[in-house]
């Protein structure tokens, strides 16, 4: 029998940040297509449609900016993984829509609520 692992605190924070980012983007008029697309080459946090474009969204959360902001943590290596995962997604769904990669940086406000600190459209 396989043991079921409880999510770590970091995983729970990540899930909460993704949910808050999703709600934020939907409030901006984007249409959610898929959450947590996973393939051998990587994971895409959120996939939206914004008018006639597909938007692959990387959600980043940082408690503080001591080691750079959340958006700065999307390294060139991470960008490559996201591009490759997006290629797999596009092949699976057969989409020919133009695409972009956005980064949504989440943080806590004064009341410890998750808020969007920065939405970088076409980040890379």
N, C-alpha and C. Protein backbone atom coordinates (compact mmCIF):
# COMPACT_ATOMS: atom_id res chain seq x y z
N UNK A 1 0.84 -1.17 0.00
CA UNK A 1 0.00 0.00 0.00
C UNK A 1 0.89 1.24 0.00
N UNK A 2 0.57 2.20 -0.88
CA UNK A 2 1.36 3.42 -1.00
C UNK A 2 0.90 4.45 0.03
N UNK A 3 1.89 5.06 0.68
CA UNK A 3 1.60 6.06 1.70
C UNK A 3 1.21 7.38 1.03
N UNK A 4 0.16 8.01 1.52
CA UNK A 4 -0.28 9.30 1.00
C UNK A 4 0.41 10.38 1.81
N UNK A 5 1.15 11.25 1.11
CA UNK A 5 1.89 12.30 1.79
C UNK A 5 1.04 13.56 1.89
N UNK A 6 1.11 14.20 3.04
CA UNK A 6 0.45 15.48 3.22
C UNK A 6 1.28 16.55 2.52
N UNK A 7 0.61 17.55 1.94
CA UNK A 7 1.38 18.64 1.33
C UNK A 7 2.18 19.41 2.38
N UNK A 8 3.36 19.85 1.97
CA UNK A 8 4.19 20.65 2.87
C UNK A 8 3.61 22.06 2.98
N UNK A 9 4.09 22.82 3.96
CA UNK A 9 3.65 24.20 4.13
C UNK A 9 3.95 25.01 2.87
N UNK A 10 5.12 24.78 2.28
CA UNK A 10 5.51 25.49 1.06
C UNK A 10 4.56 25.15 -0.09
N UNK A 11 4.17 23.88 -0.22
CA UNK A 11 3.23 23.48 -1.27
C UNK A 11 1.87 24.12 -1.05
N UNK A 12 1.43 24.18 0.20
CA UNK A 12 0.15 24.81 0.51
C UNK A 12 0.18 26.30 0.18
N UNK A 13 1.30 26.96 0.50
CA UNK A 13 1.44 28.38 0.15
C UNK A 13 1.42 28.57 -1.36
N UNK A 14 2.09 27.68 -2.07
CA UNK A 14 2.10 27.75 -3.53
C UNK A 14 0.72 27.58 -4.12
N UNK A 15 -0.04 26.63 -3.59
CA UNK A 15 -1.41 26.42 -4.08
C UNK A 15 -2.28 27.64 -3.80
N UNK A 16 -2.12 28.24 -2.63
CA UNK A 16 -2.90 29.43 -2.28
C UNK A 16 -2.52 30.59 -3.19
N UNK A 17 -1.22 30.75 -3.49
CA UNK A 17 -0.77 31.83 -4.37
C UNK A 17 -1.32 31.63 -5.78
N UNK A 18 -1.32 30.38 -6.26
CA UNK A 18 -1.87 30.10 -7.59
C UNK A 18 -3.36 30.40 -7.65
N UNK A 19 -4.08 30.05 -6.61
CA UNK A 19 -5.52 30.32 -6.56
C UNK A 19 -5.78 31.82 -6.57
N UNK A 20 -5.03 32.57 -5.76
CA UNK A 20 -5.20 34.02 -5.71
C UNK A 20 -4.84 34.66 -7.05
N UNK A 21 -3.78 34.18 -7.69
CA UNK A 21 -3.39 34.69 -9.00
C UNK A 21 -4.47 34.38 -10.05
N UNK A 22 -5.00 33.19 -9.98
CA UNK A 22 -6.06 32.79 -10.90
C UNK A 22 -7.27 33.72 -10.77
N UNK A 23 -7.69 33.97 -9.55
CA UNK A 23 -8.83 34.87 -9.33
C UNK A 23 -8.52 36.28 -9.82
N UNK A 24 -7.30 36.74 -9.57
CA UNK A 24 -6.89 38.07 -10.03
C UNK A 24 -6.99 38.16 -11.56
N UNK A 25 -6.43 37.17 -12.26
CA UNK A 25 -6.42 37.21 -13.72
C UNK A 25 -7.82 37.07 -14.30
N UNK A 26 -8.66 36.25 -13.68
CA UNK A 26 -10.04 36.14 -14.14
C UNK A 26 -10.77 37.48 -13.97
N UNK A 27 -10.47 38.20 -12.90
CA UNK A 27 -11.07 39.51 -12.69
C UNK A 27 -10.61 40.52 -13.75
N UNK A 28 -9.45 40.24 -14.37
CA UNK A 28 -8.94 41.11 -15.44
C UNK A 28 -9.51 40.73 -16.80
N UNK A 29 -10.36 39.68 -16.82
CA UNK A 29 -11.02 39.29 -18.06
C UNK A 29 -10.42 38.11 -18.79
N UNK A 30 -9.41 37.47 -18.22
CA UNK A 30 -8.83 36.30 -18.86
C UNK A 30 -9.68 35.07 -18.56
N UNK A 31 -9.70 34.14 -19.50
CA UNK A 31 -10.51 32.92 -19.36
C UNK A 31 -9.58 31.74 -19.04
N UNK A 32 -9.82 31.11 -17.89
CA UNK A 32 -9.00 29.98 -17.46
C UNK A 32 -9.27 28.77 -18.34
N UNK A 33 -8.19 28.18 -18.86
CA UNK A 33 -8.30 26.96 -19.66
C UNK A 33 -7.81 25.73 -18.90
N UNK A 34 -6.72 25.89 -18.13
CA UNK A 34 -6.11 24.72 -17.48
C UNK A 34 -5.27 25.18 -16.30
N UNK A 35 -5.28 24.36 -15.25
CA UNK A 35 -4.42 24.56 -14.09
C UNK A 35 -3.42 23.42 -14.03
N UNK A 36 -2.22 23.74 -13.61
CA UNK A 36 -1.18 22.75 -13.33
C UNK A 36 -1.04 21.69 -14.42
N UNK A 37 -0.78 22.14 -15.64
CA UNK A 37 -0.48 21.22 -16.73
C UNK A 37 0.89 20.62 -16.48
N UNK A 38 0.96 19.31 -16.40
CA UNK A 38 2.19 18.61 -16.04
C UNK A 38 2.58 17.65 -17.16
N UNK A 39 3.83 17.71 -17.55
CA UNK A 39 4.38 16.75 -18.52
C UNK A 39 5.81 16.43 -18.10
N UNK A 40 6.47 15.56 -18.83
CA UNK A 40 7.83 15.16 -18.48
C UNK A 40 8.81 16.33 -18.51
N UNK A 41 8.50 17.34 -19.29
CA UNK A 41 9.43 18.45 -19.47
C UNK A 41 9.22 19.61 -18.50
N UNK A 42 8.13 19.57 -17.75
CA UNK A 42 7.89 20.65 -16.80
C UNK A 42 6.42 20.82 -16.45
N UNK A 43 6.13 21.90 -15.74
CA UNK A 43 4.76 22.19 -15.32
C UNK A 43 4.42 23.64 -15.66
N UNK A 44 3.18 23.83 -16.10
CA UNK A 44 2.65 25.17 -16.33
C UNK A 44 1.61 25.43 -15.26
N UNK A 45 1.79 26.49 -14.48
CA UNK A 45 0.89 26.76 -13.36
C UNK A 45 -0.54 27.02 -13.83
N UNK A 46 -0.69 27.99 -14.73
CA UNK A 46 -2.02 28.38 -15.21
C UNK A 46 -1.94 28.66 -16.71
N UNK A 47 -3.01 28.27 -17.41
CA UNK A 47 -3.10 28.57 -18.84
C UNK A 47 -4.43 29.28 -19.06
N UNK A 48 -4.33 30.47 -19.66
CA UNK A 48 -5.51 31.29 -19.90
C UNK A 48 -5.63 31.61 -21.38
N UNK A 49 -6.82 32.08 -21.75
CA UNK A 49 -7.00 32.70 -23.04
C UNK A 49 -7.30 34.17 -22.79
N UNK A 50 -6.57 35.03 -23.48
CA UNK A 50 -6.76 36.48 -23.41
C UNK A 50 -7.07 36.94 -24.82
N UNK A 51 -8.34 37.12 -25.10
CA UNK A 51 -8.83 37.43 -26.44
C UNK A 51 -8.38 36.35 -27.41
N UNK A 52 -7.46 36.69 -28.33
CA UNK A 52 -7.06 35.71 -29.33
C UNK A 52 -5.68 35.12 -29.05
N UNK A 53 -5.24 35.15 -27.80
CA UNK A 53 -3.92 34.62 -27.43
C UNK A 53 -4.02 33.63 -26.28
N UNK A 54 -3.12 32.67 -26.27
CA UNK A 54 -2.95 31.79 -25.12
C UNK A 54 -1.91 32.42 -24.21
N UNK A 55 -2.15 32.34 -22.92
CA UNK A 55 -1.25 32.93 -21.94
C UNK A 55 -0.82 31.85 -20.96
N UNK A 56 0.47 31.57 -20.94
CA UNK A 56 1.04 30.62 -19.99
C UNK A 56 1.54 31.45 -18.81
N UNK A 57 1.01 31.17 -17.62
CA UNK A 57 1.29 32.00 -16.46
C UNK A 57 2.11 31.23 -15.44
N UNK A 58 3.23 31.83 -15.07
CA UNK A 58 4.07 31.31 -13.99
C UNK A 58 3.78 32.16 -12.76
N UNK A 59 3.32 31.50 -11.70
CA UNK A 59 3.00 32.20 -10.46
C UNK A 59 4.17 32.04 -9.50
N UNK A 60 4.64 33.16 -8.95
CA UNK A 60 5.75 33.13 -8.02
C UNK A 60 5.31 33.81 -6.72
N UNK A 61 5.75 33.24 -5.62
CA UNK A 61 5.44 33.80 -4.31
C UNK A 61 6.72 33.90 -3.50
N UNK A 62 6.89 35.02 -2.86
CA UNK A 62 8.00 35.22 -1.94
C UNK A 62 7.48 35.89 -0.68
N UNK A 63 7.96 35.43 0.46
CA UNK A 63 7.59 36.06 1.73
C UNK A 63 8.19 37.45 1.84
N UNK A 64 9.41 37.60 1.30
CA UNK A 64 10.09 38.89 1.34
C UNK A 64 10.98 39.00 0.12
N UNK A 65 11.56 40.16 -0.06
CA UNK A 65 12.40 40.41 -1.24
C UNK A 65 13.90 40.41 -0.92
N UNK A 66 14.29 39.76 0.16
CA UNK A 66 15.70 39.76 0.56
C UNK A 66 16.62 39.15 -0.51
N UNK A 67 16.12 38.16 -1.24
CA UNK A 67 16.94 37.50 -2.26
C UNK A 67 16.42 37.81 -3.66
N UNK A 68 15.82 38.98 -3.84
CA UNK A 68 15.22 39.35 -5.12
C UNK A 68 13.73 39.10 -5.05
N UNK A 69 13.01 39.78 -5.87
CA UNK A 69 11.57 39.63 -5.89
C UNK A 69 11.14 38.32 -6.50
N UNK A 70 9.86 38.05 -6.41
CA UNK A 70 9.31 36.81 -6.94
C UNK A 70 9.56 36.69 -8.43
N UNK A 71 9.37 37.77 -9.16
CA UNK A 71 9.55 37.73 -10.61
C UNK A 71 10.99 37.44 -10.99
N UNK A 72 11.95 37.91 -10.21
CA UNK A 72 13.36 37.68 -10.49
C UNK A 72 13.75 36.22 -10.36
N UNK A 73 12.91 35.41 -9.73
CA UNK A 73 13.24 34.01 -9.53
C UNK A 73 12.93 33.13 -10.75
N UNK A 74 12.41 33.73 -11.82
CA UNK A 74 12.16 32.98 -13.06
C UNK A 74 13.44 33.07 -13.89
N UNK A 75 14.33 32.12 -13.63
CA UNK A 75 15.66 32.10 -14.26
C UNK A 75 15.57 31.67 -15.72
N UNK A 76 16.65 31.87 -16.49
CA UNK A 76 16.66 31.37 -17.87
C UNK A 76 16.40 29.86 -17.96
N UNK A 77 16.91 29.09 -17.00
CA UNK A 77 16.65 27.64 -17.01
C UNK A 77 15.16 27.35 -16.80
N UNK A 78 14.52 28.09 -15.89
CA UNK A 78 13.08 27.93 -15.65
C UNK A 78 12.30 28.34 -16.89
N UNK A 79 12.71 29.41 -17.54
CA UNK A 79 12.04 29.86 -18.75
C UNK A 79 12.08 28.78 -19.84
N UNK A 80 13.22 28.12 -19.97
CA UNK A 80 13.36 27.05 -20.95
C UNK A 80 12.40 25.90 -20.64
N UNK A 81 12.31 25.52 -19.36
CA UNK A 81 11.38 24.45 -18.97
C UNK A 81 9.94 24.85 -19.29
N UNK A 82 9.59 26.10 -19.04
CA UNK A 82 8.24 26.57 -19.32
C UNK A 82 7.95 26.55 -20.82
N UNK A 83 8.91 26.97 -21.62
CA UNK A 83 8.73 26.95 -23.07
C UNK A 83 8.52 25.52 -23.58
N UNK A 84 9.32 24.60 -23.06
CA UNK A 84 9.21 23.21 -23.51
C UNK A 84 7.86 22.60 -23.08
N UNK A 85 7.43 22.88 -21.87
CA UNK A 85 6.13 22.38 -21.42
C UNK A 85 5.01 22.99 -22.26
N UNK A 86 5.15 24.26 -22.62
CA UNK A 86 4.14 24.91 -23.45
C UNK A 86 4.08 24.27 -24.83
N UNK A 87 5.21 23.88 -25.39
CA UNK A 87 5.23 23.19 -26.68
C UNK A 87 4.45 21.88 -26.61
N UNK A 88 4.64 21.14 -25.52
CA UNK A 88 3.91 19.89 -25.34
C UNK A 88 2.41 20.17 -25.26
N UNK A 89 2.03 21.18 -24.48
CA UNK A 89 0.61 21.53 -24.36
C UNK A 89 0.03 21.90 -25.72
N UNK A 90 0.74 22.73 -26.47
CA UNK A 90 0.24 23.16 -27.78
C UNK A 90 0.08 21.97 -28.73
N UNK A 91 1.00 21.03 -28.67
CA UNK A 91 0.89 19.82 -29.50
C UNK A 91 -0.32 18.99 -29.10
N UNK A 92 -0.56 18.88 -27.79
CA UNK A 92 -1.68 18.06 -27.32
C UNK A 92 -3.03 18.66 -27.70
N UNK A 93 -3.16 19.98 -27.60
CA UNK A 93 -4.46 20.60 -27.88
C UNK A 93 -4.59 21.05 -29.33
N UNK A 94 -3.49 21.06 -30.06
CA UNK A 94 -3.54 21.43 -31.46
C UNK A 94 -3.83 22.91 -31.70
N UNK A 95 -3.42 23.75 -30.79
CA UNK A 95 -3.69 25.18 -30.91
C UNK A 95 -2.68 25.87 -31.82
N UNK A 96 -3.18 26.83 -32.58
CA UNK A 96 -2.31 27.67 -33.41
C UNK A 96 -2.42 29.14 -33.00
N UNK A 97 -3.04 29.39 -31.85
CA UNK A 97 -3.16 30.76 -31.37
C UNK A 97 -1.79 31.32 -30.99
N UNK A 98 -1.61 32.63 -31.14
CA UNK A 98 -0.38 33.24 -30.64
C UNK A 98 -0.28 33.04 -29.12
N UNK A 99 0.94 32.97 -28.62
CA UNK A 99 1.15 32.69 -27.19
C UNK A 99 2.04 33.75 -26.57
N UNK A 100 1.89 33.87 -25.26
CA UNK A 100 2.80 34.69 -24.48
C UNK A 100 3.00 34.05 -23.12
N UNK A 101 4.08 34.43 -22.45
CA UNK A 101 4.39 33.95 -21.12
C UNK A 101 4.33 35.12 -20.16
N UNK A 102 3.46 35.02 -19.17
CA UNK A 102 3.33 36.06 -18.14
C UNK A 102 3.85 35.52 -16.82
N UNK A 103 4.31 36.42 -15.98
CA UNK A 103 4.71 36.08 -14.62
C UNK A 103 3.84 36.91 -13.68
N UNK A 104 3.24 36.24 -12.71
CA UNK A 104 2.46 36.93 -11.69
C UNK A 104 3.18 36.73 -10.36
N UNK A 105 3.63 37.85 -9.80
CA UNK A 105 4.34 37.82 -8.52
C UNK A 105 3.35 38.11 -7.41
N UNK A 106 3.22 37.18 -6.49
CA UNK A 106 2.28 37.30 -5.38
C UNK A 106 3.05 37.60 -4.09
N UNK A 107 2.39 38.33 -3.21
CA UNK A 107 2.96 38.65 -1.91
C UNK A 107 1.82 38.80 -0.91
N UNK A 108 2.17 39.00 0.35
CA UNK A 108 1.16 39.27 1.38
C UNK A 108 1.05 40.78 1.60
N UNK A 109 -0.18 41.25 1.79
CA UNK A 109 -0.37 42.65 2.13
C UNK A 109 -0.27 42.83 3.64
N UNK A 110 -0.59 44.01 4.12
CA UNK A 110 -0.49 44.32 5.56
C UNK A 110 -1.37 43.41 6.42
N UNK A 111 -2.47 42.94 5.84
CA UNK A 111 -3.39 42.07 6.58
C UNK A 111 -3.11 40.58 6.33
N UNK A 112 -1.95 40.28 5.76
CA UNK A 112 -1.52 38.91 5.47
C UNK A 112 -2.39 38.22 4.43
N UNK A 113 -3.04 39.01 3.57
CA UNK A 113 -3.82 38.47 2.45
C UNK A 113 -2.92 38.40 1.22
N UNK A 114 -3.09 37.35 0.42
CA UNK A 114 -2.33 37.24 -0.81
C UNK A 114 -2.84 38.25 -1.83
N UNK A 115 -1.91 39.00 -2.40
CA UNK A 115 -2.24 40.00 -3.42
C UNK A 115 -1.22 39.93 -4.54
N UNK A 116 -1.65 40.40 -5.69
CA UNK A 116 -0.75 40.46 -6.84
C UNK A 116 0.16 41.68 -6.67
N UNK A 117 1.45 41.42 -6.55
CA UNK A 117 2.44 42.49 -6.42
C UNK A 117 2.81 43.03 -7.80
N UNK A 118 2.86 42.13 -8.78
CA UNK A 118 3.30 42.53 -10.11
C UNK A 118 2.81 41.51 -11.13
N UNK A 119 2.24 41.99 -12.22
CA UNK A 119 1.82 41.14 -13.32
C UNK A 119 2.64 41.56 -14.52
N UNK A 120 3.56 40.71 -14.91
CA UNK A 120 4.44 41.02 -16.02
C UNK A 120 3.95 40.29 -17.26
N UNK A 121 3.33 41.04 -18.16
CA UNK A 121 2.83 40.46 -19.40
C UNK A 121 4.01 40.29 -20.35
N UNK A 122 3.98 39.17 -21.09
CA UNK A 122 5.02 38.90 -22.08
C UNK A 122 6.41 39.00 -21.43
N UNK A 123 6.55 38.32 -20.30
CA UNK A 123 7.75 38.44 -19.47
C UNK A 123 9.02 37.94 -20.16
N UNK A 124 8.85 36.96 -21.03
CA UNK A 124 10.02 36.43 -21.77
C UNK A 124 9.58 35.79 -23.05
